[in-house]
């Protein structure tokens, strides 16, 4: 998470980010996400990649019931909320500055009987990884978290720490700059990466990654 604007926030694209609420329907629930562009910038608005990834999960792309999942750089928490509504046990993470905002959206959108399945937790990529067990999660989710080149090494380290050989990583993103492709090249050195989905209307790709088996490189 970082407080930097994207190019599509110019002109008409900016208008939707200044709406105090963004409303969605997923998993037979109406979800109302509070947005706060002025206070938290990109961390506090719903990006298209989060909507596309949430739709992908709702389509049944992965088995979520009783799955142990984590969302990285969650921002508003939409993806983690949808995963919890679909049956996953979800740890929804972001940097400390965004946690109270994130927690308010999670609590407002999960029914009481589902709230125990969702935990909001601080995670700064590459730093407080000791608070998480190695290979702890079956599923790792990230929506629009590939955009700051200075975070790529820490993000890669975080993905390696949180995943086991059986974990599935789903990263949804719009490829805006050459540096975004550079991250995918870095990712492919440690993980087997494939394209899982593309939404042409929103120009969002979903990439699936799993740890490489050392024997694959022999």
Protein backbone atom coordinates (compact mmCIF):
# COMPACT_ATOMS: atom_id res chain seq x y z
CA UNK A 1 0.00 0.00 0.00
CA UNK A 2 1.30 3.43 -0.89
CA UNK A 3 -0.22 6.85 -1.29
CA UNK A 4 0.48 7.37 -4.98
CA UNK A 5 -2.08 8.15 -7.69
CA UNK A 6 -2.52 6.18 -10.91
CA UNK A 7 -3.00 7.72 -14.32
CA UNK A 8 -6.60 6.51 -14.56
CA UNK A 9 -7.53 8.74 -11.63
CA UNK A 10 -7.45 11.68 -14.01
CA UNK A 11 -10.64 13.06 -15.53
CA UNK A 12 -13.76 10.91 -15.31
CA UNK A 13 -11.83 8.06 -13.69
CA UNK A 14 -11.38 10.12 -10.55
CA UNK A 15 -15.07 10.54 -9.87
CA UNK A 16 -15.79 7.00 -8.64
CA UNK A 17 -12.97 7.22 -6.08
CA UNK A 18 -14.57 10.22 -4.39
CA UNK A 19 -17.84 8.37 -3.77
CA UNK A 20 -18.07 7.64 -0.02
CA UNK A 21 -19.57 4.20 -0.69
CA UNK A 22 -19.03 1.65 -3.46
CA UNK A 23 -21.77 -0.99 -3.61
CA UNK A 24 -21.37 -4.54 -4.97
CA UNK A 25 -23.26 -7.81 -4.95
CA UNK A 26 -21.26 -10.98 -4.29
CA UNK A 27 -22.11 -14.35 -2.74
CA UNK A 28 -25.79 -13.37 -2.38
CA UNK A 29 -24.81 -10.39 -0.22
CA UNK A 30 -24.89 -6.67 -0.84
CA UNK A 31 -21.47 -5.30 0.06
CA UNK A 32 -21.03 -1.60 0.77
CA UNK A 33 -17.41 -0.56 0.84
CA UNK A 34 -16.55 2.74 2.47
CA UNK A 35 -13.99 4.74 0.47
CA UNK A 36 -11.73 7.55 1.67
CA UNK A 37 -9.50 8.75 -1.14
CA UNK A 38 -8.59 12.05 0.56
CA UNK A 39 -7.23 10.43 3.72
CA UNK A 40 -5.63 7.21 2.48
CA UNK A 41 -5.37 7.54 -1.30
CA UNK A 42 -5.03 4.29 -3.26
CA UNK A 43 -5.42 2.15 -0.13
CA UNK A 44 -8.99 3.29 0.44
CA UNK A 45 -10.74 2.93 -2.91
CA UNK A 46 -11.93 -0.13 -4.82
CA UNK A 47 -9.85 -0.82 -7.91
CA UNK A 48 -11.09 -2.83 -10.88
CA UNK A 49 -8.65 -5.65 -10.14
CA UNK A 50 -10.40 -6.27 -6.80
CA UNK A 51 -13.78 -6.52 -8.53
CA UNK A 52 -12.43 -8.89 -11.20
CA UNK A 53 -10.71 -11.12 -8.62
CA UNK A 54 -13.85 -11.19 -6.45
CA UNK A 55 -15.90 -12.21 -9.50
CA UNK A 56 -13.35 -14.91 -10.32
CA UNK A 57 -13.65 -16.33 -6.80
CA UNK A 58 -17.44 -16.24 -6.96
CA UNK A 59 -17.31 -18.22 -10.22
CA UNK A 60 -15.82 -21.11 -8.24
CA UNK A 61 -12.34 -20.88 -9.74
CA UNK A 62 -10.86 -22.29 -6.52
CA UNK A 63 -12.38 -24.28 -3.65
CA UNK A 64 -12.82 -21.77 -0.83
CA UNK A 65 -14.86 -23.68 1.75
CA UNK A 66 -12.65 -24.18 4.83
CA UNK A 67 -9.64 -22.96 2.84
CA UNK A 68 -6.98 -20.95 4.69
CA UNK A 69 -6.52 -17.74 2.70
CA UNK A 70 -4.67 -14.44 3.04
CA UNK A 71 -5.19 -11.18 1.17
CA UNK A 72 -2.12 -8.98 0.74
CA UNK A 73 -2.34 -5.20 0.46
CA UNK A 74 -6.07 -5.51 1.05
CA UNK A 75 -6.91 -1.79 1.09
CA UNK A 76 -10.70 -1.73 1.35
CA UNK A 77 -10.85 -5.49 1.98
CA UNK A 78 -13.31 -6.35 -0.80
CA UNK A 79 -11.53 -9.51 -1.96
CA UNK A 80 -11.06 -10.84 1.57
CA UNK A 81 -14.69 -10.10 2.43
CA UNK A 82 -15.90 -12.01 -0.64
CA UNK A 83 -13.58 -14.94 0.14
CA UNK A 84 -14.97 -15.12 3.69
CA UNK A 85 -18.57 -15.00 2.42
CA UNK A 86 -17.70 -17.91 0.11
CA UNK A 87 -16.49 -20.04 3.02
CA UNK A 88 -12.77 -19.35 3.43
CA UNK A 89 -10.95 -18.59 6.67
CA UNK A 90 -9.27 -15.34 5.66
CA UNK A 91 -6.48 -13.23 7.10
CA UNK A 92 -6.91 -9.77 5.56
CA UNK A 93 -3.71 -7.74 5.70
CA UNK A 94 -2.27 -4.31 5.01
CA UNK A 95 0.15 -1.85 6.56
CA UNK A 96 -0.62 -0.41 9.98
CA UNK A 97 -1.80 2.97 8.68
CA UNK A 98 -4.69 1.32 6.81
CA UNK A 99 -5.80 -1.24 9.40
CA UNK A 100 -8.58 0.65 11.19
CA UNK A 101 -10.16 1.63 7.89
CA UNK A 102 -9.83 -1.94 6.61
CA UNK A 103 -11.29 -3.38 9.81
CA UNK A 104 -14.32 -1.09 9.62
CA UNK A 105 -15.19 -2.36 6.13
CA UNK A 106 -14.74 -6.00 7.12
CA UNK A 107 -16.92 -5.68 10.21
CA UNK A 108 -19.62 -3.75 8.35
CA UNK A 109 -19.96 -6.33 5.59
CA UNK A 110 -19.69 -9.72 7.26
CA UNK A 111 -22.67 -11.22 9.12
CA UNK A 112 -21.95 -12.05 12.80
CA UNK A 113 -21.70 -15.80 12.15
CA UNK A 114 -19.05 -15.25 9.46
CA UNK A 115 -16.97 -12.59 11.22
CA UNK A 116 -14.92 -15.18 13.18
CA UNK A 117 -13.67 -16.48 9.81
CA UNK A 118 -12.00 -13.16 8.97
CA UNK A 119 -9.03 -11.70 10.84
CA UNK A 120 -7.54 -8.29 10.03
CA UNK A 121 -3.79 -8.28 10.65
CA UNK A 122 -0.84 -6.01 10.00
CA UNK A 123 1.62 -7.12 7.35
CA UNK A 124 4.35 -4.98 5.87
CA UNK A 125 5.87 -6.99 3.06
CA UNK A 126 9.30 -8.37 3.82
CA UNK A 127 9.32 -7.14 7.42
CA UNK A 128 7.09 -8.68 10.10
CA UNK A 129 6.95 -12.11 8.47
CA UNK A 130 7.80 -13.73 11.81
CA UNK A 131 4.18 -13.14 12.81
CA UNK A 132 3.14 -15.66 10.15
CA UNK A 133 4.05 -19.34 9.99
CA UNK A 134 5.97 -20.38 6.86
CA UNK A 135 3.63 -21.91 4.29
CA UNK A 136 0.65 -21.01 6.45
CA UNK A 137 -1.92 -20.44 3.71
CA UNK A 138 -3.60 -22.55 1.05
CA UNK A 139 -4.51 -19.49 -1.00
CA UNK A 140 -2.79 -16.11 -1.33
CA UNK A 141 -4.75 -13.27 -2.93
CA UNK A 142 -3.60 -9.91 -4.22
CA UNK A 143 -5.49 -7.30 -6.25
CA UNK A 144 -3.55 -4.45 -7.82
CA UNK A 145 -0.54 -4.87 -5.56
CA UNK A 146 2.05 -4.87 -8.39
CA UNK A 147 2.81 -1.24 -9.07
CA UNK A 148 5.69 0.07 -6.92
CA UNK A 149 9.01 -1.28 -8.12
CA UNK A 150 10.69 -0.65 -4.78
CA UNK A 151 8.30 -3.14 -3.14
CA UNK A 152 8.86 -6.00 -5.60
CA UNK A 153 11.67 -7.76 -3.72
CA UNK A 154 9.78 -7.56 -0.41
CA UNK A 155 6.56 -8.76 -2.04
CA UNK A 156 8.35 -11.72 -3.59
CA UNK A 157 9.92 -12.60 -0.23
CA UNK A 158 6.49 -12.40 1.39
CA UNK A 159 4.91 -14.69 -1.21
CA UNK A 160 7.69 -17.22 -0.70
CA UNK A 161 7.30 -17.15 3.09
CA UNK A 162 3.52 -17.49 3.17
CA UNK A 163 3.21 -20.22 0.55
CA UNK A 164 3.91 -23.94 0.63
CA UNK A 165 4.41 -26.25 -2.34
CA UNK A 166 0.65 -26.77 -2.36
CA UNK A 167 -0.41 -23.12 -2.05
CA UNK A 168 -2.09 -21.27 -4.90
CA UNK A 169 -1.36 -17.57 -5.47
CA UNK A 170 -3.83 -15.45 -7.43
CA UNK A 171 -2.70 -11.96 -8.44
CA UNK A 172 -5.08 -9.65 -10.29
CA UNK A 173 -3.59 -6.62 -12.00
CA UNK A 174 -3.72 -4.25 -14.91
CA UNK A 175 -0.38 -4.16 -16.72
CA UNK A 176 0.27 -0.42 -16.81
CA UNK A 177 4.02 -0.12 -17.12
CA UNK A 178 7.04 -2.16 -18.18
CA UNK A 179 7.96 -2.54 -14.50
CA UNK A 180 4.77 -4.56 -13.94
CA UNK A 181 6.05 -7.10 -16.47
CA UNK A 182 9.42 -7.01 -14.69
CA UNK A 183 7.73 -8.27 -11.53
CA UNK A 184 6.18 -11.17 -13.44
CA UNK A 185 9.66 -12.08 -14.71
CA UNK A 186 10.93 -12.06 -11.10
CA UNK A 187 7.96 -14.16 -10.01
CA UNK A 188 8.60 -16.78 -12.72
CA UNK A 189 12.10 -17.40 -11.35
CA UNK A 190 10.63 -18.75 -8.10
CA UNK A 191 7.12 -19.85 -9.10
CA UNK A 192 5.32 -21.54 -11.95
CA UNK A 193 3.12 -18.78 -13.37
CA UNK A 194 0.15 -19.06 -15.71
CA UNK A 195 -2.63 -16.77 -16.91
CA UNK A 196 -5.85 -17.83 -15.18
CA UNK A 197 -8.25 -15.18 -16.49
CA UNK A 198 -8.49 -11.94 -18.44
CA UNK A 199 -11.29 -9.39 -18.27
CA UNK A 200 -11.12 -7.40 -21.54
CA UNK A 201 -13.66 -4.81 -20.39
CA UNK A 202 -11.61 -3.82 -17.36
CA UNK A 203 -8.25 -4.83 -18.89
CA UNK A 204 -7.37 -6.89 -15.82
CA UNK A 205 -5.31 -10.09 -15.83
CA UNK A 206 -5.37 -12.76 -13.14
CA UNK A 207 -2.14 -14.73 -12.79
CA UNK A 208 -1.91 -18.03 -10.95
CA UNK A 209 1.39 -18.95 -9.32
CA UNK A 210 2.67 -21.96 -7.40
CA UNK A 211 6.10 -22.69 -5.98
CA UNK A 212 8.43 -24.41 -8.37
CA UNK A 213 9.33 -28.01 -7.62
CA UNK A 214 13.17 -28.10 -7.58
CA UNK A 215 12.97 -31.18 -9.82
CA UNK A 216 11.28 -29.04 -12.48
CA UNK A 217 14.56 -27.20 -13.01
CA UNK A 218 16.65 -30.33 -13.46
